[in-house]
Amino acid sequence: MPAAWWRRLRAYLTPPPLDEAPWQQALAACPLAQRLDSCRQQELRRLVGVFLARKRFHALADAELSDALCTLIAMQACIPVLQQGPKALRGWRDVLVYPGEFKVKRSHHDDRTGVVTEGDDVLIGEAWERGPLVLSLADVQLDLAQPWDGYNVVAHEIAHKLDMLDGPPDGVPVLPPHIPRRQWIVAFQRAFDRLSSDVARGRDTLIDPYAAEGPDEFFAVVSELHWSQPGVLRRADGAVADLLQAYYGVSPAPG
């Protein structure tokens, strides 16, 4: 085996942790990472190194994407996989970054009438199964500036990526052995049904009504709450909050 090829393979399999200067710069700009304990910060530093070595960033529509911003995106993407490790980042490679909101063409089939309509959805993030992670840079930066407002586009889209590791998104990611799959499904389905009912009746909800779009969006939205407003999530549904804590680890966000 040629030595140069082996060195490239070894660097891919075990990339070095992020260098000290960019690590400290990113840490100073990410309040969520700052609140992690020292052990989780060191694991995060290792994961960010893996992310930056294995993913490719693409600036679209004249987005201004510096190395520092790529590192911050990687940092936020790696926080939700601290417990799962680098294997949770498998199956995709590209990060597409727009300067702000972007449009995606959608086709909708009405099961009742059979009519297919087409239109544009305006998004701030998207995750494709075995495809890219797509982000609005303006919203990434807003989440860094307002980390405890209940929203985090990177956490939302990484939740979708975790959900899709075993196939199309259904709100049930690959679970570790200490979380019974049936317990997860029952608790999340009950919470989703309750939210859907409240939204349909026009009631105010602690969880963003967008979560009622489907079980996959419910999982992504409550994942945002876990990392930004865990106290709100616990008031909304303690069973879901407990399961997300078991899955992601204790949130460092203020309660």
Protein backbone atom coordinates (compact mmCIF):
# COMPACT_ATOMS: atom_id res chain seq x y z
CA MET A 1 0.00 0.00 0.00
CA PRO A 2 1.55 3.37 -1.04
CA ALA A 3 2.58 5.44 1.99
CA ALA A 4 0.83 8.62 0.78
CA TRP A 5 -2.48 6.76 0.27
CA TRP A 6 -2.22 5.21 3.73
CA ARG A 7 -1.57 8.60 5.33
CA ARG A 8 -4.68 10.05 3.64
CA LEU A 9 -6.78 7.08 4.78
CA ARG A 10 -5.50 7.32 8.35
CA ALA A 11 -6.21 11.06 8.42
CA TYR A 12 -9.77 10.37 7.23
CA LEU A 13 -10.40 7.60 9.75
CA THR A 14 -8.82 9.37 12.72
CA PRO A 15 -8.55 13.08 11.93
CA PRO A 16 -6.80 15.18 14.57
CA PRO A 17 -8.80 17.33 16.98
CA LEU A 18 -9.44 20.90 15.96
CA ASP A 19 -6.39 23.13 16.45
CA GLU A 20 -6.34 25.31 19.56
CA ALA A 21 -6.82 28.73 17.93
CA PRO A 22 -9.90 27.90 15.79
CA TRP A 23 -11.32 25.85 18.66
CA GLN A 24 -11.11 28.73 21.11
CA GLN A 25 -12.52 31.15 18.52
CA ALA A 26 -15.50 28.89 17.85
CA LEU A 27 -16.03 28.19 21.54
CA ALA A 28 -16.16 31.93 22.27
CA ALA A 29 -18.94 32.34 19.68
CA CYS A 30 -21.12 29.35 20.65
CA PRO A 31 -22.87 29.76 24.03
CA LEU A 32 -24.21 26.20 23.95
CA ALA A 33 -20.72 24.71 23.63
CA GLN A 34 -19.40 27.04 26.34
CA ARG A 35 -21.84 25.52 28.84
CA LEU A 36 -20.71 21.93 28.26
CA ASP A 37 -18.53 20.37 30.95
CA SER A 38 -14.83 19.94 30.15
CA CYS A 39 -15.13 16.25 29.20
CA ARG A 40 -17.92 16.92 26.71
CA GLN A 41 -16.04 19.92 25.35
CA GLN A 42 -13.04 17.72 24.59
CA GLU A 43 -15.25 15.15 22.88
CA LEU A 44 -16.89 17.96 20.92
CA ARG A 45 -13.47 19.22 19.83
CA ARG A 46 -12.64 15.75 18.52
CA LEU A 47 -15.98 15.47 16.70
CA VAL A 48 -15.58 18.89 15.08
CA GLY A 49 -12.24 17.72 13.72
CA VAL A 50 -13.95 14.64 12.27
CA PHE A 51 -16.75 16.75 10.78
CA LEU A 52 -14.40 19.23 9.11
CA ALA A 53 -12.24 16.41 7.72
CA ARG A 54 -15.14 14.42 6.26
CA LYS A 55 -17.67 17.03 5.15
CA ARG A 56 -17.45 19.50 2.29
CA PHE A 57 -18.92 23.00 2.58
CA HIS A 58 -20.40 24.79 -0.42
CA ALA A 59 -21.37 28.47 -0.37
CA LEU A 60 -24.40 29.10 -2.61
CA ALA A 61 -26.01 32.27 -3.96
CA ASP A 62 -23.03 34.43 -2.96
CA ALA A 63 -23.03 33.32 0.67
CA GLU A 64 -19.87 34.51 2.43
CA LEU A 65 -18.58 31.39 4.16
CA SER A 66 -15.31 31.69 6.08
CA ASP A 67 -13.34 28.92 7.79
CA ALA A 68 -14.54 30.29 11.13
CA LEU A 69 -18.20 30.01 10.09
CA CYS A 70 -17.65 26.47 8.80
CA THR A 71 -16.18 25.59 12.17
CA LEU A 72 -19.17 27.09 13.99
CA ILE A 73 -21.60 25.15 11.82
CA ALA A 74 -19.61 21.98 12.48
CA MET A 75 -19.63 22.69 16.22
CA GLN A 76 -23.41 23.08 16.33
CA ALA A 77 -23.87 19.98 14.15
CA CYS A 78 -21.69 17.88 16.45
CA ILE A 79 -23.28 18.85 19.76
CA PRO A 80 -26.36 16.62 19.11
CA VAL A 81 -24.12 13.61 18.34
CA LEU A 82 -21.93 13.82 21.44
CA GLN A 83 -23.43 10.59 22.80
CA GLN A 84 -23.58 8.73 19.49
CA GLY A 85 -20.09 9.66 18.27
CA PRO A 86 -18.80 10.05 14.71
CA LYS A 87 -20.77 7.06 13.41
CA ALA A 88 -23.88 9.22 13.67
CA LEU A 89 -22.42 11.51 10.98
CA ARG A 90 -22.20 8.76 8.38
CA GLY A 91 -24.07 8.51 5.09
CA TRP A 92 -23.69 12.04 3.76
CA ARG A 93 -20.94 14.46 2.87
CA ASP A 94 -22.02 17.94 1.74
CA VAL A 95 -23.14 21.05 3.61
CA LEU A 96 -24.85 23.60 1.35
CA VAL A 97 -25.03 27.11 2.80
CA TYR A 98 -27.27 29.87 1.46
CA PRO A 99 -26.97 33.45 2.72
CA GLY A 100 -30.59 33.37 3.97
CA GLU A 101 -33.92 31.70 3.22
CA PHE A 102 -34.06 29.59 0.08
CA LYS A 103 -36.81 28.19 -2.12
CA VAL A 104 -37.46 24.52 -2.86
CA LYS A 105 -39.95 23.31 -5.47
CA ARG A 106 -42.52 20.86 -4.08
CA SER A 107 -45.21 18.69 -5.61
CA HIS A 108 -48.30 17.92 -3.53
CA HIS A 109 -50.67 15.07 -4.31
CA ASP A 110 -54.19 15.40 -2.91
CA ASP A 111 -55.26 11.86 -1.99
CA ARG A 112 -58.93 12.85 -2.07
CA THR A 113 -59.04 14.51 -5.49
CA GLY A 114 -55.95 13.06 -7.14
CA VAL A 115 -54.84 16.57 -8.12
CA VAL A 116 -51.11 17.30 -8.12
CA THR A 117 -50.09 20.90 -7.45
CA GLU A 118 -46.63 22.42 -7.57
CA GLY A 119 -45.22 25.36 -5.66
CA ASP A 120 -42.24 26.80 -3.84
CA ASP A 121 -41.53 26.31 -0.15
CA VAL A 122 -39.39 28.94 1.57
CA LEU A 123 -37.02 27.21 3.98
CA ILE A 124 -34.21 28.00 6.40
CA GLY A 125 -32.89 24.44 6.50
CA GLU A 126 -33.31 21.04 4.93
CA ALA A 127 -31.80 17.58 5.27
CA TRP A 128 -31.93 14.99 2.51
CA GLU A 129 -31.70 11.26 3.08
CA ARG A 130 -28.11 10.34 2.16
CA GLY A 131 -27.85 13.82 0.63
CA PRO A 132 -26.67 17.24 1.76
CA LEU A 133 -27.41 19.28 4.83
CA VAL A 134 -28.78 22.65 3.63
CA LEU A 135 -28.71 25.72 5.86
CA SER A 136 -29.49 29.42 5.90
CA LEU A 137 -26.41 31.20 7.18
CA ALA A 138 -28.49 34.12 8.50
CA ASP A 139 -30.47 31.72 10.69
CA VAL A 140 -27.35 29.89 11.88
CA GLN A 141 -25.97 33.25 12.99
CA LEU A 142 -29.27 34.23 14.61
CA ASP A 143 -29.24 31.01 16.65
CA LEU A 144 -25.72 31.80 17.85
CA ALA A 145 -26.82 35.29 18.88
CA GLN A 146 -30.09 34.10 20.50
CA PRO A 147 -29.30 30.56 21.69
CA TRP A 148 -32.11 30.20 24.23
CA ASP A 149 -35.13 31.26 22.14
CA GLY A 150 -36.37 27.75 21.40
CA TYR A 151 -34.99 27.51 17.88
CA ASN A 152 -31.83 26.04 16.39
CA VAL A 153 -31.81 25.27 12.68
CA VAL A 154 -28.65 23.13 12.81
CA ALA A 155 -29.99 21.00 15.68
CA HIS A 156 -33.28 20.63 13.79
CA GLU A 157 -31.65 19.41 10.59
CA ILE A 158 -29.17 17.15 12.39
CA ALA A 159 -32.16 15.56 14.15
CA HIS A 160 -33.53 14.75 10.69
CA LYS A 161 -30.14 13.29 9.72
CA LEU A 162 -30.18 11.09 12.83
CA ASP A 163 -33.76 10.07 12.06
CA MET A 164 -32.75 9.04 8.52
CA LEU A 165 -29.84 6.81 9.48
CA ASP A 166 -32.16 3.80 9.29
CA GLY A 167 -34.34 4.92 6.37
CA PRO A 168 -36.98 7.55 5.61
CA PRO A 169 -37.69 9.91 8.54
CA ASP A 170 -40.37 8.69 10.94
CA GLY A 171 -39.48 10.37 14.23
CA VAL A 172 -37.66 7.29 15.55
CA PRO A 173 -33.86 7.51 15.21
CA VAL A 174 -31.52 4.60 15.74
CA LEU A 175 -31.82 4.18 19.50
CA PRO A 176 -29.09 3.10 21.92
CA PRO A 177 -29.69 -0.12 23.89
CA HIS A 178 -30.72 1.72 27.07
CA ILE A 179 -33.78 3.27 25.37
CA PRO A 180 -36.57 0.76 24.61
CA ARG A 181 -37.93 1.38 21.11
CA ARG A 182 -41.51 0.73 22.17
CA GLN A 183 -41.26 3.23 25.02
CA TRP A 184 -40.00 5.87 22.57
CA ILE A 185 -42.74 5.19 20.01
CA VAL A 186 -45.55 5.24 22.58
CA ALA A 187 -44.39 8.45 24.29
CA PHE A 188 -43.69 10.34 21.08
CA GLN A 189 -46.89 9.22 19.38
CA ARG A 190 -48.95 10.26 22.40
CA ALA A 191 -47.26 13.67 22.51
CA PHE A 192 -47.59 14.17 18.75
CA ASP A 193 -51.29 13.26 18.81
CA ARG A 194 -51.94 15.66 21.67
CA LEU A 195 -50.11 18.49 19.92
CA SER A 196 -51.90 17.80 16.63
CA SER A 197 -55.25 17.93 18.41
CA ASP A 198 -54.39 21.20 20.14
CA VAL A 199 -53.20 22.78 16.90
CA ALA A 200 -56.33 21.67 15.05
CA ARG A 201 -58.46 23.29 17.76
CA GLY A 202 -56.48 26.53 17.65
CA ARG A 203 -55.09 26.18 21.16
CA ASP A 204 -51.83 27.78 22.25
CA THR A 205 -49.03 25.24 22.61
CA LEU A 206 -45.61 25.27 24.27
CA ILE A 207 -44.23 23.28 21.33
CA ASP A 208 -44.08 25.08 17.97
CA PRO A 209 -47.19 24.11 15.96
CA TYR A 210 -44.93 23.23 13.03
CA ALA A 211 -44.13 20.03 14.94
CA ALA A 212 -47.66 18.84 14.11
CA GLU A 213 -46.66 18.52 10.43
CA GLY A 214 -45.61 14.92 11.07
CA PRO A 215 -43.75 12.63 13.51
CA ASP A 216 -40.45 13.46 11.81
CA GLU A 217 -40.94 17.20 12.29
CA PHE A 218 -42.10 16.62 15.85
CA PHE A 219 -38.83 14.88 16.68
CA ALA A 220 -36.80 17.67 15.05
CA VAL A 221 -38.71 20.48 16.77
CA VAL A 222 -38.53 18.95 20.26
CA SER A 223 -34.83 18.33 19.63
CA GLU A 224 -34.45 22.10 19.13
CA LEU A 225 -36.20 22.64 22.46
CA HIS A 226 -33.93 20.13 24.19
CA TRP A 227 -30.91 22.19 23.18
CA SER A 228 -32.40 25.66 23.64
CA GLN A 229 -35.32 25.55 26.12
CA PRO A 230 -35.29 22.23 28.00
CA GLY A 231 -37.50 23.63 30.75
CA VAL A 232 -40.22 24.51 28.24
CA LEU A 233 -39.96 21.02 26.75
CA ARG A 234 -40.31 19.42 30.18
CA ARG A 235 -43.42 21.49 30.94
CA ALA A 236 -44.87 20.49 27.58
CA ASP A 237 -44.18 16.76 27.94
CA GLY A 238 -42.00 15.24 30.65
CA ALA A 239 -41.86 11.80 29.04
CA VAL A 240 -40.50 13.18 25.78
CA ALA A 241 -38.03 15.38 27.69
CA ASP A 242 -36.75 12.33 29.62
CA LEU A 243 -36.28 10.30 26.44
CA LEU A 244 -34.44 13.09 24.64
CA GLN A 245 -32.17 13.52 27.67
CA ALA A 246 -31.43 9.79 27.56
CA TYR A 247 -30.75 10.01 23.81
CA TYR A 248 -28.79 13.27 23.56
CA GLY A 249 -27.45 13.63 27.08
CA VAL A 250 -28.22 16.39 29.56
CA SER A 251 -28.79 19.72 27.84
CA PRO A 252 -26.39 22.46 28.96
CA ALA A 253 -29.00 25.10 28.13
CA PRO A 254 -30.46 27.02 31.06
CA GLY A 255 -33.66 25.43 32.32
